[in-house]
Amino acid sequence: MAGHATKQIDAKTLWGGKMSPFSTSYGKLMMWFFLVSDALTFGGLLVAYGFTRHATDQAWPIGEETFNSLPFLGHGYPLIYVALMTFILIVSSVTMVLAVEAGHRMDRRGVTKWMIATIIGGFFFVGSQAWEWYHFIHGSEFGKVELADGSQAIVKGHFGEIENFKVIEAGHHHKKDDVIKAGSHGMTQADLMHEYQHAAAEGHILFNEETGKSTITLHDGSKAEISKKPNEHLELIVKKKGKKYAVNKKINGAEAEKMYEQVIGSGEKNRVIYGANLQQNEYGPQQYAQFFFFITGFHGFHVFSGVIINILILLMVLKGTIHRRGHYEMVEKTGLYWHFVDLVWVFVFTFFYLI
């Protein structure tokens, strides 16, 4: 049986700087070096996240409780949009493979088509991540509340629509007896909600037991009675233990509604927290928000950079610059980067949303 002949390459050719011992171009080798170093960076961040989560004595946020919104449809769709983002990113990795394959065949039109599809998928993911950040920062309609025993609980249920604010004491902008509602005074339903949440967080809502009504101090200093539909199906889930309630204790029904209204109408500052930033976090321990912003933001920067690189390479393909070189290795190198970004997201998705 005839053996395969082995091509002998002299040492000068191997180590002369033109080609590596593995017959890999300098550019591809440097891309692999970069990806290995970047993988170590993401690995270190995820290990630190796991260690912090293991060390905390508070209940860690659950993905389906935190990320349960869909654009235009509101809440009640746990992880659906995140799953869609992930699917689109994985599909964009497939289109990148097809672009590289077309490049091997010197099919300029095929490379153009599949790179455009990859760029569209990348833009969709970056835009979706920005939307997720927006909702994460602004929080839910209910917020996280501090109960009388010092425990902290997130709130689930249907938030009653704010109908109007009737001014009972004039301020800088609003006069007595003004009725502020969506469509009047330049206000939208979102503006009413923002006023309500800001006042609740600052302790500017008071419940009057004699009248059974709540009053709010608006941003201009005016005071108004709140007309609001009742909340429905409320459930309090304790995330930080207090003197009475343990972590993961669930309070339902009329008791939950009464406790929530007592907190909202207590007039005490910081008993309600909406959303997350680097100082406070509605969803759980503060470290969770800090890691979320840093790791998903770092990954989002990688995706955005990859989209920009893909656009630059696409312009070179359209001009015929790469085709005239006789190979599409540049497309293959950016493809390696894009696949890496997709692979990292699988781990980020698992750590933050599924576990």
Protein backbone atom coordinates (compact mmCIF):
# COMPACT_ATOMS: atom_id res chain seq x y z
CA MET A 1 0.00 0.00 0.00
CA ALA A 2 1.46 3.27 -1.09
CA GLY A 3 2.11 5.82 1.67
CA HIS A 4 1.32 9.52 1.52
CA ALA A 5 4.24 11.71 0.66
CA THR A 6 5.07 14.32 3.29
CA LYS A 7 6.04 17.73 2.04
CA GLN A 8 9.34 18.81 3.53
CA ILE A 9 9.60 22.49 4.43
CA ASP A 10 12.97 23.92 5.36
CA ALA A 11 13.48 25.86 8.59
CA LYS A 12 13.93 29.19 6.82
CA THR A 13 10.50 28.90 5.22
CA LEU A 14 8.89 27.74 8.46
CA TRP A 15 10.27 30.50 10.65
CA GLY A 16 11.05 33.21 8.16
CA GLY A 17 8.06 35.30 9.10
CA LYS A 18 5.86 34.68 6.05
CA MET A 19 4.03 31.58 7.26
CA SER A 20 3.63 29.81 10.62
CA PRO A 21 4.69 26.18 11.19
CA PHE A 22 0.97 25.30 10.89
CA SER A 23 0.71 26.92 7.45
CA THR A 24 -1.61 29.54 8.94
CA SER A 25 -1.37 33.15 7.89
CA TYR A 26 -0.06 35.72 10.32
CA GLY A 27 -3.42 37.51 10.38
CA LYS A 28 -5.42 34.39 11.31
CA LEU A 29 -2.86 33.42 13.94
CA MET A 30 -3.08 36.86 15.56
CA MET A 31 -6.88 36.66 15.52
CA TRP A 32 -6.71 33.36 17.40
CA PHE A 33 -4.31 34.88 19.95
CA PHE A 34 -6.75 37.75 20.49
CA LEU A 35 -9.73 35.42 20.85
CA VAL A 36 -7.92 33.27 23.43
CA SER A 37 -7.04 36.33 25.51
CA ASP A 38 -10.59 37.65 25.22
CA ALA A 39 -11.98 34.26 26.25
CA LEU A 40 -9.85 34.41 29.39
CA THR A 41 -11.27 37.87 30.15
CA PHE A 42 -14.87 36.74 29.82
CA GLY A 43 -14.06 33.57 31.74
CA GLY A 44 -12.65 35.60 34.64
CA LEU A 45 -15.73 37.82 34.71
CA LEU A 46 -18.14 34.88 34.75
CA VAL A 47 -16.14 33.10 37.47
CA ALA A 48 -16.25 36.28 39.58
CA TYR A 49 -20.01 36.47 38.98
CA GLY A 50 -20.46 32.85 40.06
CA PHE A 51 -18.35 33.34 43.18
CA THR A 52 -20.30 36.47 44.20
CA ARG A 53 -23.61 34.71 43.66
CA HIS A 54 -22.49 31.75 45.77
CA ALA A 55 -21.25 34.02 48.58
CA THR A 56 -24.36 36.20 48.94
CA ASP A 57 -26.96 35.46 51.62
CA GLN A 58 -29.78 37.14 49.66
CA ALA A 59 -32.05 35.47 47.12
CA TRP A 60 -30.50 35.84 43.67
CA PRO A 61 -32.80 37.18 40.93
CA ILE A 62 -34.56 34.60 38.77
CA GLY A 63 -34.37 35.20 35.02
CA GLU A 64 -38.02 34.59 34.23
CA GLU A 65 -39.07 36.99 37.01
CA THR A 66 -36.74 39.77 35.89
CA PHE A 67 -36.94 39.56 32.10
CA ASN A 68 -40.59 38.98 31.26
CA SER A 69 -41.50 41.76 28.81
CA LEU A 70 -42.09 41.90 25.08
CA PRO A 71 -42.10 45.08 22.95
CA PHE A 72 -45.65 46.45 22.49
CA LEU A 73 -47.12 43.59 24.56
CA GLY A 74 -45.99 44.45 28.08
CA HIS A 75 -45.22 41.99 30.87
CA GLY A 76 -46.05 38.33 31.32
CA TYR A 77 -43.75 36.75 28.71
CA PRO A 78 -40.81 35.32 30.69
CA LEU A 79 -37.55 35.07 28.71
CA ILE A 80 -39.36 35.09 25.35
CA TYR A 81 -37.58 38.17 24.03
CA VAL A 82 -34.18 37.07 25.34
CA ALA A 83 -34.68 33.73 23.60
CA LEU A 84 -35.53 35.56 20.37
CA MET A 85 -32.38 37.69 20.68
CA THR A 86 -30.29 34.56 21.20
CA PHE A 87 -31.88 32.78 18.24
CA ILE A 88 -31.20 35.75 15.92
CA LEU A 89 -27.57 35.90 17.03
CA ILE A 90 -27.09 32.18 16.40
CA VAL A 91 -28.71 32.51 12.97
CA SER A 92 -26.29 35.37 12.21
CA SER A 93 -23.44 32.97 12.98
CA VAL A 94 -24.87 30.58 10.38
CA THR A 95 -25.06 33.36 7.77
CA MET A 96 -21.43 34.21 8.58
CA VAL A 97 -20.46 30.59 7.86
CA LEU A 98 -22.25 30.83 4.53
CA ALA A 99 -20.38 34.06 3.72
CA VAL A 100 -17.04 32.36 4.43
CA GLU A 101 -18.05 29.34 2.35
CA ALA A 102 -19.01 31.62 -0.55
CA GLY A 103 -15.61 33.28 -0.22
CA HIS A 104 -13.86 29.93 -0.62
CA ARG A 105 -15.69 29.57 -3.93
CA MET A 106 -14.78 33.15 -4.90
CA ASP A 107 -18.50 33.91 -5.08
CA ARG A 108 -18.52 37.66 -4.55
CA ARG A 109 -22.32 37.94 -4.80
CA GLY A 110 -22.82 35.19 -2.21
CA VAL A 111 -20.37 36.83 0.21
CA THR A 112 -22.24 40.14 -0.16
CA LYS A 113 -25.64 38.56 0.43
CA TRP A 114 -24.69 36.60 3.53
CA MET A 115 -22.67 39.40 5.09
CA ILE A 116 -25.63 41.76 4.75
CA ALA A 117 -27.78 39.16 6.54
CA THR A 118 -25.15 38.87 9.29
CA ILE A 119 -25.04 42.64 9.76
CA ILE A 120 -28.84 42.83 10.01
CA GLY A 121 -28.81 40.11 12.68
CA GLY A 122 -26.09 41.95 14.60
CA PHE A 123 -28.01 45.23 14.54
CA PHE A 124 -31.15 43.44 15.75
CA PHE A 125 -29.25 41.95 18.68
CA VAL A 126 -27.62 45.25 19.70
CA GLY A 127 -30.95 47.07 19.48
CA SER A 128 -32.67 44.35 21.49
CA GLN A 129 -30.00 44.49 24.16
CA ALA A 130 -30.47 48.26 24.42
CA TRP A 131 -34.21 47.64 24.87
CA GLU A 132 -33.51 45.06 27.59
CA TRP A 133 -31.21 47.53 29.38
CA TYR A 134 -33.91 50.21 29.21
CA HIS A 135 -36.45 47.97 30.92
CA PHE A 136 -33.89 46.67 33.41
CA ILE A 137 -32.97 50.24 34.40
CA HIS A 138 -36.55 51.51 34.67
CA GLY A 139 -37.86 48.40 36.39
CA SER A 140 -41.32 46.98 36.83
CA GLU A 141 -44.52 48.89 37.54
CA PHE A 142 -44.53 47.77 41.18
CA GLY A 143 -40.87 47.99 42.17
CA LYS A 144 -39.30 46.28 45.17
CA VAL A 145 -40.79 47.18 48.56
CA GLU A 146 -39.43 47.18 52.09
CA LEU A 147 -41.98 45.64 54.44
CA ALA A 148 -42.63 46.61 58.05
CA ASP A 149 -40.31 43.90 59.44
CA GLY A 150 -37.37 45.12 57.32
CA SER A 151 -37.63 42.37 54.71
CA GLN A 152 -37.60 43.29 51.01
CA ALA A 153 -39.96 41.77 48.45
CA ILE A 154 -40.56 41.97 44.73
CA VAL A 155 -44.17 42.32 43.58
CA LYS A 156 -46.05 40.41 40.91
CA GLY A 157 -49.53 41.03 39.58
CA HIS A 158 -51.56 43.41 37.42
CA PHE A 159 -50.94 47.11 38.05
CA GLY A 160 -54.11 49.21 38.11
CA GLU A 161 -54.12 52.01 35.53
CA ILE A 162 -53.65 55.56 36.81
CA GLU A 163 -56.72 57.52 35.70
CA ASN A 164 -55.87 61.06 36.85
CA PHE A 165 -54.46 63.36 39.50
CA LYS A 166 -56.90 66.00 40.83
CA VAL A 167 -55.00 68.99 42.22
CA ILE A 168 -56.13 70.02 45.73
CA GLU A 169 -53.23 72.39 46.43
CA ALA A 170 -51.67 74.53 43.70
CA GLY A 171 -48.01 74.36 42.81
CA HIS A 172 -45.72 76.17 40.37
CA HIS A 173 -47.47 74.85 37.24
CA HIS A 174 -50.77 73.31 38.25
CA LYS A 175 -53.74 75.18 39.71
CA LYS A 176 -56.26 73.93 42.24
CA ASP A 177 -58.96 71.67 40.76
CA ASP A 178 -56.85 70.89 37.67
CA VAL A 179 -57.44 67.31 36.55
CA ILE A 180 -54.22 65.87 35.17
CA LYS A 181 -54.74 62.84 32.98
CA ALA A 182 -53.38 61.26 29.80
CA GLY A 183 -54.03 63.67 26.94
CA SER A 184 -54.23 66.79 29.10
CA HIS A 185 -51.50 69.21 30.22
CA GLY A 186 -49.17 67.55 27.72
CA MET A 187 -49.16 64.34 29.77
CA THR A 188 -49.13 60.77 28.53
CA GLN A 189 -49.91 57.60 30.47
CA ALA A 190 -46.17 57.04 30.75
CA ASP A 191 -45.76 60.53 32.26
CA LEU A 192 -48.41 59.78 34.87
CA MET A 193 -46.64 56.55 35.71
CA HIS A 194 -43.30 58.32 36.01
CA GLU A 195 -44.82 60.91 38.39
CA TYR A 196 -46.34 58.12 40.48
CA GLN A 197 -43.15 56.07 40.71
CA HIS A 198 -40.93 59.06 41.46
CA ALA A 199 -43.29 60.18 44.23
CA ALA A 200 -43.47 56.64 45.70
CA ALA A 201 -39.67 56.32 45.77
CA GLU A 202 -39.28 59.76 47.38
CA GLY A 203 -42.01 59.17 49.96
CA HIS A 204 -44.34 61.76 48.42
CA ILE A 205 -47.47 59.59 48.46
CA LEU A 206 -49.62 59.56 51.60
CA PHE A 207 -52.62 57.36 52.31
CA ASN A 208 -55.40 58.97 54.37
CA GLU A 209 -57.23 56.29 56.35
CA GLU A 210 -60.15 58.63 57.12
CA THR A 211 -60.96 59.43 53.49
CA GLY A 212 -59.57 56.21 52.06
CA LYS A 213 -57.73 58.24 49.40
CA SER A 214 -54.07 58.74 48.57
CA THR A 215 -52.48 62.10 47.83
CA ILE A 216 -49.36 62.71 45.78
CA THR A 217 -46.91 65.60 45.72
CA LEU A 218 -46.10 66.30 42.06
CA HIS A 219 -42.79 67.54 40.67
CA ASP A 220 -43.96 71.18 40.72
CA GLY A 221 -44.90 71.01 44.40
CA SER A 222 -48.67 70.77 43.89
CA LYS A 223 -50.64 68.18 45.83
CA ALA A 224 -53.28 66.01 44.20
CA GLU A 225 -55.65 63.16 44.94
CA ILE A 226 -54.88 59.97 43.05
CA SER A 227 -57.61 58.30 41.02
CA LYS A 228 -56.38 54.83 40.14
CA LYS A 229 -57.87 51.46 39.31
CA PRO A 230 -57.14 48.80 41.94
CA ASN A 231 -54.21 46.44 41.55
CA GLU A 232 -55.11 42.81 40.94
CA HIS A 233 -53.63 39.39 41.75
CA LEU A 234 -50.79 40.81 43.84
CA GLU A 235 -48.09 38.50 45.14
CA LEU A 236 -45.14 39.56 47.30
CA ILE A 237 -42.03 37.37 47.09
CA VAL A 238 -39.46 38.07 49.82
CA LYS A 239 -35.91 38.40 48.47
CA LYS A 240 -34.20 39.66 51.62
CA LYS A 241 -35.22 38.32 55.01
CA GLY A 242 -36.45 40.50 57.87
CA LYS A 243 -37.55 39.92 61.43
CA LYS A 244 -40.72 38.10 60.40
CA TYR A 245 -40.45 36.90 56.81
CA ALA A 246 -37.81 34.54 55.41
CA VAL A 247 -36.33 34.54 51.91
CA ASN A 248 -38.73 33.25 49.20
CA LYS A 249 -41.77 33.65 51.47
CA LYS A 250 -44.82 34.37 49.28
CA ILE A 251 -47.69 36.59 50.41
CA ASN A 252 -50.86 36.59 48.31
CA GLY A 253 -54.37 37.97 48.10
CA ALA A 254 -55.84 40.74 50.22
CA GLU A 255 -52.93 40.64 52.66
CA ALA A 256 -50.45 41.32 49.85
CA GLU A 257 -52.57 44.18 48.50
CA LYS A 258 -52.88 45.79 51.94
CA MET A 259 -49.16 45.49 52.69
CA TYR A 260 -48.20 46.94 49.33
CA GLU A 261 -50.55 49.92 49.67
CA GLN A 262 -49.21 50.58 53.17
CA VAL A 263 -45.68 50.81 51.83
CA ILE A 264 -46.65 53.02 48.87
CA GLY A 265 -48.67 55.38 51.06
CA SER A 266 -46.29 55.45 54.01
CA GLY A 267 -44.67 58.73 53.03
CA GLU A 268 -41.23 57.23 53.77
CA LYS A 269 -38.38 57.63 51.31
CA ASN A 270 -36.58 54.65 49.73
CA ARG A 271 -39.13 52.04 50.86
CA VAL A 272 -39.88 51.46 47.18
CA ILE A 273 -37.09 50.89 44.63
CA TYR A 274 -37.75 50.93 40.90
CA GLY A 275 -35.31 49.43 38.41
CA ALA A 276 -31.57 49.04 38.74
CA ASN A 277 -28.46 51.17 38.53
CA LEU A 278 -25.03 51.10 40.14
CA GLN A 279 -26.42 52.23 43.52
CA GLN A 280 -29.68 50.27 43.90
CA ASN A 281 -31.35 47.21 42.43
CA GLU A 282 -35.02 46.29 42.37
CA TYR A 283 -34.37 42.67 41.44
CA GLY A 284 -32.01 41.53 44.19
CA PRO A 285 -28.47 42.08 45.52
CA GLN A 286 -26.68 45.15 44.21
CA GLN A 287 -23.82 43.04 42.83
CA TYR A 288 -26.24 41.42 40.39
CA ALA A 289 -26.93 44.71 38.63
CA GLN A 290 -23.26 45.65 38.59
CA PHE A 291 -22.24 42.36 36.99
CA PHE A 292 -25.18 42.51 34.59
CA PHE A 293 -24.27 45.97 33.33
CA PHE A 294 -20.57 45.18 33.00
CA ILE A 295 -20.71 41.70 31.44
CA THR A 296 -23.65 42.22 29.07
CA GLY A 297 -22.35 45.71 28.23
CA PHE A 298 -18.88 44.31 27.51
CA HIS A 299 -20.41 41.65 25.27
CA GLY A 300 -22.68 44.22 23.59
CA PHE A 301 -19.59 46.31 22.81
CA HIS A 302 -18.04 43.25 21.16
CA VAL A 303 -21.16 42.67 19.06
CA PHE A 304 -21.34 46.33 18.02
CA SER A 305 -17.62 46.28 17.12
CA GLY A 306 -18.22 43.12 15.09
CA VAL A 307 -21.07 44.79 13.20
CA ILE A 308 -18.84 47.77 12.36
CA ILE A 309 -16.02 45.47 11.23
CA ASN A 310 -18.45 43.48 9.09
CA ILE A 311 -19.70 46.69 7.47
CA LEU A 312 -16.13 47.73 6.62
CA ILE A 313 -15.36 44.30 5.16
CA LEU A 314 -18.64 44.39 3.20
CA LEU A 315 -17.64 47.74 1.67
CA MET A 316 -14.33 46.20 0.59
CA VAL A 317 -16.23 43.29 -0.95
CA LEU A 318 -18.58 45.62 -2.81
CA LYS A 319 -15.64 47.61 -4.21
CA GLY A 320 -13.97 44.40 -5.36
CA THR A 321 -10.87 45.03 -3.25
CA ILE A 322 -10.91 41.61 -1.60
CA HIS A 323 -11.85 39.76 -4.79
CA ARG A 324 -8.81 41.20 -6.58
CA ARG A 325 -6.56 39.70 -3.89
CA GLY A 326 -7.60 36.25 -5.08
CA HIS A 327 -8.91 35.09 -1.70
CA TYR A 328 -11.47 36.07 0.96
CA GLU A 329 -9.36 35.41 4.04
CA MET A 330 -10.40 38.77 5.50
CA VAL A 331 -13.99 37.51 5.61
CA GLU A 332 -12.80 34.33 7.32
CA LYS A 333 -10.91 36.30 9.99
CA THR A 334 -13.88 38.49 10.86
CA GLY A 335 -15.97 35.32 10.83
CA LEU A 336 -13.77 33.86 13.58
CA TYR A 337 -14.43 36.95 15.69
CA TRP A 338 -18.18 36.78 15.04
CA HIS A 339 -18.40 33.11 16.00
CA PHE A 340 -16.50 33.86 19.20
CA VAL A 341 -18.96 36.64 20.11
CA ASP A 342 -21.87 34.24 19.53
CA LEU A 343 -20.26 31.52 21.65
CA VAL A 344 -19.62 33.91 24.54
CA TRP A 345 -23.29 34.96 24.50
CA VAL A 346 -24.32 31.32 25.01
CA PHE A 347 -22.41 31.35 28.33
CA VAL A 348 -23.65 34.82 29.32
CA PHE A 349 -27.23 33.80 28.48
CA THR A 350 -26.89 30.64 30.58
CA PHE A 351 -25.36 32.37 33.62
CA PHE A 352 -27.69 35.39 33.75
CA TYR A 353 -30.99 34.11 32.39
CA LEU A 354 -31.22 30.37 32.90
CA ILE A 355 -29.33 29.42 36.08
